[in-house]
Amino acid sequence: MAHARDDHDHHDDHDHSALDETELRVRALETVLVQKGYVDPAALDALIDTYTTRIGPQNGARVVARAWVDPDYRARLLADATAAIAELGYSGRQGEHMVAVENTPARHNVVVCTLCSCYPWPVLGLPPTWYKSAPYRSRVVRDPRGVLAEFGVVLPPETEIRVWDSTAEVRYLVIPQRPAGTAALSEAQLADLVSRDAMIGTALVGTTPVRRGA
């Protein structure tokens, strides 16, 4: 059953080379499959484009922006994320049972799948390589504050960090804090500020539009 883990004080070394090795292995496998004729590069590119441009983080960003500007929608999202996300037309495989968790000044949420790589594809698209890596999956549970710092997210000591473990039954979407100074922005402009990583919990939202796919 999915559950949350509170901030811990344990530390260990993080080998970033493991992430690079995983990416290299994937690329090598893709090359071999293409060379042997098992995979059509055009079909693979089309599939990646679908999950990057149509079924991707821009969908989750629209969910977040709607929650920021519409208190009633925000309440529905926190009460039943699956239904609220479906209101905006986003649903399907890997998004059947969604839970939204909201960042506040007192609490920061971060998502992991410790067993494999369960991930909400309809709202975030394809999972990043680091999300599937063993170093992230193991270390973020034991040392969430340290791992977040490696992503550039340095939080005050008094901020609680809660780690949510996704499963095949439940997947999580982090609703990041709305940045200050954005009161005059439209819902669409707000959505442009929300990155995939912010909805996993490994980034904060700034005031610069996000380059999708980054």
Foldseek 3Di string as FASTA:
>chain_A
DKDKAWAADDDDDFDPVQLVVLVVVVVVVVVVCVVVPNDDPVVVVVLLCCLQPPQAQLLLLLLLLCVVVPVVLVVVCQVAVLVSSCVVPFDDQLRNGEHEDEDDLQEFEAEAALPAQRARSNNHGDDDSVRGGNRCSPVCNHHVQVQLVVLVDHHDPRHMYMYIHDDSRYHYWYNADQDPPCPPPDSSQSSQQDASRVRRRSDHTDNDGDDGPD
